[in-house]
Amino acid sequence: MKINILTLFPKMYDGFLNESIIKRAIDKNLVSINIKNIRDYTNDKHKHVDDTPYGGGAGMVLKCEPIFNAVNSIKTDKSKIILLTPEGKKYNQKLAYDLSKEEDLILICGHYEGFDERIKSIVDLEISIGDYILTGGEIPSMVITDSVTRLLDGVIEKESHLNDSFNNDLLDYPDYTKPRDFNGLKVPDVLLSGDHKKIDEWRHNEAYKKTKEKRPDLLKKEKIRKQIGKYSLIEDDEQKKIYNINISSSYSFTPKEKMKKEDLIGINKVILVKPSFVEAIAKKNINKKMDVLLKQISIVLNDETDDEGANYVLGEIDRLEDIMLKNYKDYLTDEYINLLKNKLKILKDEINLKKMMKIETVEYERGRHR
């Protein structure tokens, strides 16, 4: 991922980029963070970036010219341009996950009284990190950069951010470390039991209790909450969800028969998230279709009188290739797809060869009878 930050105060980022997780991510080439000084993009020899507002008023307004110049010099077709402003969408963990899927972010930091309104015409998204006023967008840009970078593959262990506060609409569960007893304050016995199922249940229940006590707004209109292993199932007025599972790449399907899990919920949609399992399901479905297709081809090749069958089978070959590319391409290796394509091409060539030979035979027979 590449993150470009447009700012009037580039030195504010010196410590931020050279410490902790951000520095390690940069050193591993997992993220590229570039600080761009807005003053470098002015056409004014005095490097002025602000001016008084039309219509009068207090303060200075950030000019659109240097911002447009800066954005145009670095943006690509994949850039997502973000303006950091109190008017923007409130930042949360879901938005952090969404941004972590982008390849190129451009963060524009404001300062002074505000922006020239025309700057918003080149912006894809406006973000606010909270309902309070800061002197500029530098700190919000650091907040977003930090929260997004830690979600990138390889930066931290995936399990670490899956259990973070807000990841599943709950605050994080309580943690303890040595010593077991400190001034009479003891570690809960369940954490010393070695029973991971009970530990998972305890942690989830404690996270729920903490959220209900400190941030009940996160629970919304919850009615029923039940634990299934390490997952939590919530039923509310609007929808039924399973939390504590991060779905970045998945395959969904509808079961042939409606399934039920005890008294919890009827299941009418299943989502597979383990890549190897998804690949196995995809290959199994393709192999079934191939078996049917091969039987149809065998009949056509052995029946000299079947003219319509050849055209039908050619259509089925095209349909299978289309299904493979549209429905399963993301879950199969390029090697497997190319192999399957070659097989389908060979089968298509066989059918076309048979059609051609039949045409030549008919023409020959016609010639004999003239």
Protein backbone atom coordinates (compact mmCIF):
# COMPACT_ATOMS: atom_id res chain seq x y z
CA MET A 1 0.00 0.00 0.00
CA LYS A 2 1.07 3.58 -0.69
CA ILE A 3 -0.05 6.49 1.51
CA ASN A 4 0.66 10.08 0.49
CA ILE A 5 0.06 12.77 3.10
CA LEU A 6 -0.26 16.41 1.98
CA THR A 7 0.66 18.72 4.85
CA LEU A 8 2.06 22.17 5.70
CA PHE A 9 4.09 20.73 8.59
CA PRO A 10 6.11 17.71 7.35
CA LYS A 11 8.45 17.68 10.38
CA MET A 12 5.52 16.64 12.58
CA TYR A 13 5.88 13.14 11.08
CA ASP A 14 9.55 12.56 11.92
CA GLY A 15 8.91 10.58 15.10
CA PHE A 16 5.72 8.99 13.82
CA LEU A 17 7.46 7.34 10.84
CA ASN A 18 10.55 6.23 12.73
CA GLU A 19 9.10 4.34 15.68
CA SER A 20 7.27 1.12 16.49
CA ILE A 21 4.97 -0.78 14.11
CA ILE A 22 4.89 1.94 11.42
CA LYS A 23 8.69 1.86 11.04
CA ARG A 24 8.74 -1.95 10.89
CA ALA A 25 6.02 -1.96 8.23
CA ILE A 26 8.00 0.56 6.15
CA ASP A 27 11.24 -1.42 6.57
CA LYS A 28 9.48 -4.60 5.37
CA ASN A 29 8.12 -2.72 2.31
CA LEU A 30 4.56 -3.51 3.41
CA VAL A 31 3.63 0.16 3.18
CA SER A 32 5.12 3.26 1.58
CA ILE A 33 4.33 6.51 3.42
CA ASN A 34 5.28 9.72 1.64
CA ILE A 35 5.01 13.16 3.25
CA LYS A 36 4.39 15.93 0.72
CA ASN A 37 4.84 19.59 1.66
CA ILE A 38 1.93 21.55 0.18
CA ARG A 39 4.15 24.63 -0.11
CA ASP A 40 6.25 22.85 -2.75
CA TYR A 41 3.25 22.92 -5.10
CA THR A 42 2.52 26.66 -5.15
CA ASN A 43 3.13 28.88 -8.19
CA ASP A 44 3.85 31.76 -5.84
CA LYS A 45 7.54 32.64 -5.26
CA HIS A 46 6.69 33.43 -1.62
CA LYS A 47 5.09 29.97 -1.20
CA HIS A 48 1.75 31.36 0.01
CA VAL A 49 -0.78 28.58 0.61
CA ASP A 50 -3.61 30.56 2.23
CA ASP A 51 -5.51 33.80 1.75
CA THR A 52 -8.35 35.84 3.26
CA PRO A 53 -11.88 34.57 2.59
CA TYR A 54 -14.16 36.27 0.07
CA GLY A 55 -17.03 37.99 1.84
CA GLY A 56 -14.89 38.74 4.88
CA GLY A 57 -14.50 36.85 8.12
CA ALA A 58 -11.85 35.80 10.60
CA GLY A 59 -8.87 33.61 9.80
CA MET A 60 -7.23 32.42 6.60
CA VAL A 61 -8.44 29.84 4.07
CA LEU A 62 -6.27 27.18 2.41
CA LYS A 63 -6.06 27.94 -1.32
CA CYS A 64 -7.16 25.36 -3.87
CA GLU A 65 -4.27 25.92 -6.34
CA PRO A 66 -1.47 24.16 -4.36
CA ILE A 67 -3.80 21.32 -3.34
CA PHE A 68 -4.88 20.69 -6.94
CA ASN A 69 -1.24 20.80 -8.10
CA ALA A 70 -0.12 18.38 -5.40
CA VAL A 71 -2.93 15.87 -5.97
CA ASN A 72 -2.55 15.94 -9.75
CA SER A 73 1.19 15.29 -9.46
CA ILE A 74 0.82 12.08 -7.43
CA LYS A 75 -2.61 10.59 -8.08
CA THR A 76 -3.12 7.43 -10.13
CA ASP A 77 -6.18 5.54 -11.36
CA LYS A 78 -6.12 3.63 -8.06
CA SER A 79 -5.84 6.65 -5.74
CA LYS A 80 -8.50 7.29 -3.10
CA ILE A 81 -8.35 10.98 -2.16
CA ILE A 82 -9.38 11.79 1.40
CA LEU A 83 -9.97 15.21 2.96
CA LEU A 84 -9.57 15.40 6.74
CA THR A 85 -12.27 17.73 8.00
CA PRO A 86 -14.74 18.04 10.93
CA GLU A 87 -17.55 17.81 8.36
CA GLY A 88 -16.51 14.33 7.24
CA LYS A 89 -17.79 10.83 7.96
CA LYS A 90 -16.88 9.79 11.50
CA TYR A 91 -13.93 7.40 11.48
CA ASN A 92 -14.35 3.90 12.93
CA GLN A 93 -12.87 0.42 12.69
CA LYS A 94 -15.08 -0.64 9.77
CA LEU A 95 -13.85 2.33 7.75
CA ALA A 96 -10.26 1.43 8.70
CA TYR A 97 -10.82 -2.09 7.28
CA ASP A 98 -12.31 -0.64 4.10
CA LEU A 99 -9.35 1.70 3.59
CA SER A 100 -6.86 -1.12 4.25
CA LYS A 101 -8.13 -2.79 1.06
CA GLU A 102 -7.13 0.24 -1.05
CA GLU A 103 -3.80 0.37 -2.88
CA ASP A 104 -3.19 4.11 -2.85
CA LEU A 105 -4.42 6.69 -0.31
CA ILE A 106 -3.94 10.45 -0.52
CA LEU A 107 -4.67 12.25 2.77
CA ILE A 108 -5.10 16.03 2.62
CA CYS A 109 -4.42 17.85 5.91
CA GLY A 110 -6.09 21.19 6.42
CA HIS A 111 -4.99 24.06 8.61
CA TYR A 112 -5.98 27.62 9.43
CA GLU A 113 -9.68 28.49 9.21
CA GLY A 114 -10.60 25.92 6.56
CA PHE A 115 -10.43 24.89 2.91
CA ASP A 116 -11.44 26.60 -0.27
CA GLU A 117 -14.71 24.74 -0.97
CA ARG A 118 -13.57 23.87 -4.52
CA ILE A 119 -10.98 21.46 -3.11
CA LYS A 120 -13.83 19.08 -2.33
CA SER A 121 -14.48 18.63 -6.06
CA ILE A 122 -11.40 16.35 -6.36
CA VAL A 123 -12.02 14.42 -3.15
CA ASP A 124 -13.46 10.88 -2.92
CA LEU A 125 -14.14 10.86 0.82
CA GLU A 126 -14.23 13.30 3.76
CA ILE A 127 -13.29 11.93 7.19
CA SER A 128 -13.51 13.26 10.75
CA ILE A 129 -11.86 11.42 13.65
CA GLY A 130 -14.26 12.87 16.21
CA ASP A 131 -16.50 15.72 17.27
CA TYR A 132 -13.82 18.12 18.47
CA ILE A 133 -11.56 20.73 16.87
CA LEU A 134 -7.84 20.29 16.18
CA THR A 135 -5.37 22.84 14.83
CA GLY A 136 -4.96 20.85 11.62
CA GLY A 137 -5.29 17.52 9.85
CA GLU A 138 -1.83 16.19 10.74
CA ILE A 139 -2.89 14.26 13.84
CA PRO A 140 -5.98 12.78 12.11
CA SER A 141 -3.74 11.69 9.21
CA MET A 142 -1.50 9.87 11.69
CA VAL A 143 -4.50 8.22 13.31
CA ILE A 144 -5.77 6.92 9.96
CA THR A 145 -2.31 5.86 8.76
CA ASP A 146 -1.63 3.96 11.99
CA SER A 147 -5.04 2.23 12.12
CA VAL A 148 -4.90 1.21 8.45
CA THR A 149 -1.25 0.11 8.39
CA ARG A 150 -1.66 -2.33 11.29
CA LEU A 151 -4.41 -4.11 9.32
CA LEU A 152 -2.16 -4.84 6.32
CA ASP A 153 -1.07 -8.45 5.84
CA GLY A 154 2.25 -9.14 7.55
CA VAL A 155 2.35 -6.03 9.74
CA ILE A 156 1.01 -7.74 12.88
CA GLU A 157 -0.46 -11.18 13.51
CA LYS A 158 -4.00 -11.36 12.11
CA GLU A 159 -5.35 -12.77 15.39
CA SER A 160 -4.18 -9.61 17.18
CA HIS A 161 -6.42 -7.25 15.24
CA LEU A 162 -9.31 -9.72 15.03
CA ASN A 163 -9.60 -9.48 18.82
CA ASP A 164 -9.26 -5.70 18.97
CA SER A 165 -11.86 -3.44 20.51
CA PHE A 166 -14.57 -2.34 18.04
CA ASN A 167 -13.70 -5.15 15.61
CA ASN A 168 -16.92 -6.97 16.50
CA ASP A 169 -18.89 -4.11 18.06
CA LEU A 170 -17.43 -4.99 21.46
CA LEU A 171 -14.66 -3.54 23.60
CA ASP A 172 -11.65 -5.78 24.17
CA TYR A 173 -11.73 -8.36 26.97
CA PRO A 174 -9.55 -7.89 30.12
CA ASP A 175 -5.93 -9.07 29.92
CA TYR A 176 -3.62 -10.22 32.71
CA THR A 177 0.06 -11.18 33.01
CA LYS A 178 2.51 -12.16 35.75
CA PRO A 179 2.46 -12.16 38.74
CA ARG A 180 -0.66 -14.23 39.46
CA ASP A 181 -1.24 -12.32 42.72
CA PHE A 182 -0.29 -8.65 43.06
CA ASN A 183 -1.19 -7.02 46.37
CA GLY A 184 -4.19 -9.33 46.70
CA LEU A 185 -5.36 -8.66 43.12
CA LYS A 186 -5.50 -12.10 41.50
CA VAL A 187 -5.67 -13.38 37.95
CA PRO A 188 -9.07 -15.08 37.30
CA ASP A 189 -8.82 -18.85 37.76
CA VAL A 190 -10.29 -19.61 34.32
CA LEU A 191 -7.24 -18.06 32.61
CA LEU A 192 -4.99 -20.49 34.49
CA SER A 193 -7.14 -23.55 33.72
CA GLY A 194 -5.71 -24.41 30.31
CA ASP A 195 -9.26 -25.02 29.04
CA HIS A 196 -9.26 -22.89 25.90
CA LYS A 197 -12.96 -23.30 25.25
CA LYS A 198 -13.81 -21.94 28.70
CA ILE A 199 -11.22 -19.17 28.28
CA ASP A 200 -12.78 -18.11 24.96
CA GLU A 201 -16.24 -18.06 26.51
CA TRP A 202 -15.01 -16.11 29.54
CA ARG A 203 -13.24 -13.53 27.39
CA HIS A 204 -16.28 -13.05 25.19
CA ASN A 205 -18.63 -12.67 28.14
CA GLU A 206 -16.26 -10.21 29.83
CA ALA A 207 -15.97 -8.18 26.61
CA TYR A 208 -19.75 -8.07 26.42
CA LYS A 209 -20.11 -7.00 30.08
CA LYS A 210 -17.46 -4.29 29.66
CA THR A 211 -19.17 -2.97 26.53
CA LYS A 212 -22.59 -2.96 28.18
CA GLU A 213 -21.18 -1.02 31.15
CA LYS A 214 -18.89 1.46 29.36
CA ARG A 215 -20.18 1.72 25.77
CA PRO A 216 -23.77 0.46 25.63
CA ASP A 217 -24.25 2.46 22.42
CA LEU A 218 -22.16 -0.17 20.59
CA LEU A 219 -24.71 -2.89 21.40
CA LYS A 220 -27.55 -1.04 19.63
CA LYS A 221 -30.91 -2.85 19.91
CA GLU A 222 -29.63 -6.23 20.89
CA LYS A 223 -32.17 -8.83 22.05
CA ILE A 224 -30.55 -12.25 22.08
CA ARG A 225 -26.87 -13.11 22.39
CA LYS A 226 -25.54 -16.68 22.45
CA GLN A 227 -22.07 -18.18 22.30
CA ILE A 228 -21.07 -20.82 19.72
CA GLY A 229 -17.49 -21.81 20.49
CA LYS A 230 -15.34 -18.76 19.83
CA TYR A 231 -18.08 -17.10 17.77
CA SER A 232 -20.94 -14.97 19.04
CA LEU A 233 -24.38 -14.98 17.50
CA ILE A 234 -26.56 -11.89 17.89
CA GLU A 235 -30.21 -11.57 16.97
CA ASP A 236 -31.70 -8.09 16.86
CA ASP A 237 -34.70 -6.33 15.35
CA GLU A 238 -33.02 -5.66 12.03
CA GLN A 239 -30.73 -8.57 11.25
CA LYS A 240 -28.91 -11.67 12.49
CA LYS A 241 -25.14 -11.66 12.42
CA ILE A 242 -22.23 -13.82 13.42
CA TYR A 243 -19.41 -11.68 14.77
CA ASN A 244 -15.72 -12.35 15.53
CA ILE A 245 -14.93 -13.46 12.00
CA ASN A 246 -13.01 -11.40 9.46
CA ILE A 247 -14.19 -12.05 5.90
CA SER A 248 -11.72 -10.59 3.39
CA SER A 249 -12.15 -13.19 0.66
CA SER A 250 -15.02 -15.61 0.78
CA TYR A 251 -17.42 -17.78 -1.20
CA SER A 252 -21.10 -17.89 -0.32
CA PHE A 253 -23.80 -20.35 -1.31
CA THR A 254 -27.34 -21.31 -0.33
CA PRO A 255 -27.80 -24.83 1.10
CA LYS A 256 -30.28 -27.10 -0.70
CA GLU A 257 -32.19 -27.62 2.55
CA LYS A 258 -32.65 -25.10 5.34
CA MET A 259 -30.45 -26.04 8.30
CA LYS A 260 -31.03 -25.28 11.97
CA LYS A 261 -28.62 -25.12 14.88
CA GLU A 262 -30.60 -26.15 17.94
CA ASP A 263 -32.84 -23.23 18.91
CA LEU A 264 -30.51 -20.51 17.68
CA ILE A 265 -31.24 -19.56 14.10
CA GLY A 266 -32.24 -20.99 10.75
CA ILE A 267 -29.34 -21.04 8.28
CA ASN A 268 -30.15 -20.21 4.69
CA LYS A 269 -26.75 -18.94 3.58
CA VAL A 270 -23.26 -20.30 4.18
CA ILE A 271 -20.02 -18.36 3.76
CA LEU A 272 -16.72 -20.22 3.34
CA VAL A 273 -13.62 -18.29 4.34
CA LYS A 274 -10.78 -20.85 4.31
CA PRO A 275 -9.13 -20.50 0.87
CA SER A 276 -8.16 -24.18 0.54
CA PHE A 277 -11.73 -25.28 1.33
CA VAL A 278 -13.18 -22.79 -1.16
CA GLU A 279 -10.76 -24.07 -3.81
CA ALA A 280 -11.79 -27.68 -3.10
CA ILE A 281 -15.49 -26.81 -3.41
CA ALA A 282 -14.87 -24.93 -6.67
CA LYS A 283 -12.91 -27.85 -8.18
CA LYS A 284 -15.55 -30.35 -7.08
CA ASN A 285 -18.30 -28.33 -8.79
CA ILE A 286 -16.25 -27.95 -11.97
CA ASN A 287 -15.41 -31.68 -12.04
CA LYS A 288 -19.11 -32.54 -11.77
CA LYS A 289 -19.90 -30.30 -14.72
CA MET A 290 -16.95 -31.78 -16.67
CA ASP A 291 -18.21 -35.34 -16.07
CA VAL A 292 -21.64 -34.43 -17.47
CA LEU A 293 -20.04 -32.64 -20.41
CA LEU A 294 -17.76 -35.58 -21.26
CA LYS A 295 -20.75 -37.96 -21.35
CA GLN A 296 -22.58 -35.61 -23.71
CA ILE A 297 -19.50 -35.30 -25.94
CA SER A 298 -19.08 -39.09 -26.03
CA ILE A 299 -22.66 -39.48 -27.25
CA VAL A 300 -22.20 -36.83 -29.95
CA LEU A 301 -18.91 -38.24 -31.21
CA ASN A 302 -20.36 -41.75 -31.50
CA ASP A 303 -23.65 -40.75 -33.12
CA GLU A 304 -23.18 -39.94 -36.80
CA THR A 305 -26.78 -38.81 -37.18
CA ASP A 306 -26.80 -36.25 -34.35
CA ASP A 307 -26.35 -32.82 -35.96
CA GLU A 308 -28.01 -30.70 -33.28
CA GLY A 309 -26.10 -32.45 -30.47
CA ALA A 310 -22.76 -31.08 -31.69
CA ASN A 311 -23.98 -27.48 -31.57
CA TYR A 312 -25.54 -28.05 -28.14
CA VAL A 313 -22.30 -29.45 -26.72
CA LEU A 314 -20.26 -26.56 -28.15
CA GLY A 315 -22.63 -24.21 -26.32
CA GLU A 316 -22.17 -26.20 -23.09
CA ILE A 317 -18.38 -25.95 -23.41
CA ASP A 318 -18.61 -22.17 -23.76
CA ARG A 319 -21.01 -22.03 -20.81
CA LEU A 320 -18.66 -24.03 -18.58
CA GLU A 321 -15.74 -21.79 -19.46
CA ASP A 322 -17.86 -18.73 -18.72
CA ILE A 323 -18.93 -20.14 -15.33
CA MET A 324 -15.35 -20.99 -14.47
CA LEU A 325 -14.10 -17.47 -15.21
CA LYS A 326 -17.01 -15.61 -13.61
CA ASN A 327 -17.76 -17.71 -10.53
CA TYR A 328 -14.55 -19.51 -9.64
CA LYS A 329 -11.60 -17.56 -11.04
CA ASP A 330 -10.79 -15.87 -7.72
CA TYR A 331 -10.55 -19.22 -5.93
CA LEU A 332 -8.44 -21.23 -8.40
CA THR A 333 -4.78 -21.04 -9.36
CA ASP A 334 -3.79 -19.71 -12.80
CA GLU A 335 -2.19 -23.08 -13.52
CA TYR A 336 -5.45 -24.95 -12.90
CA ILE A 337 -7.49 -22.47 -14.95
CA ASN A 338 -5.09 -22.67 -17.90
CA LEU A 339 -5.14 -26.48 -17.74
CA LEU A 340 -8.93 -26.51 -17.76
CA LYS A 341 -9.03 -24.03 -20.65
CA ASN A 342 -6.73 -26.28 -22.68
CA LYS A 343 -8.95 -29.30 -21.97
CA LEU A 344 -12.04 -27.41 -23.10
CA LYS A 345 -10.25 -26.22 -26.24
CA ILE A 346 -9.29 -29.81 -27.12
CA LEU A 347 -12.88 -30.95 -26.64
CA LYS A 348 -14.18 -28.07 -28.75
CA ASP A 349 -11.66 -28.91 -31.49
CA GLU A 350 -12.87 -32.54 -31.48
CA ILE A 351 -16.49 -31.49 -31.97
CA ASN A 352 -15.60 -28.97 -34.70
CA LEU A 353 -13.46 -31.59 -36.45
CA LYS A 354 -16.37 -34.02 -36.43
CA LYS A 355 -18.68 -31.34 -37.88
CA MET A 356 -16.15 -30.53 -40.59
CA MET A 357 -15.64 -34.18 -41.50
CA LYS A 358 -19.41 -34.68 -41.76
CA ILE A 359 -19.70 -31.68 -44.09
CA GLU A 360 -16.90 -33.04 -46.27
CA THR A 361 -18.53 -36.50 -46.30
CA VAL A 362 -21.86 -35.03 -47.38
CA GLU A 363 -20.19 -33.01 -50.12
CA TYR A 364 -18.33 -36.10 -51.29
CA GLU A 365 -21.53 -38.17 -51.36
CA ARG A 366 -23.29 -35.43 -53.32
CA GLY A 367 -20.44 -35.44 -55.83
CA ARG A 368 -20.69 -39.19 -56.29
CA HIS A 369 -24.38 -39.02 -57.13
CA ARG A 370 -24.12 -36.28 -59.74
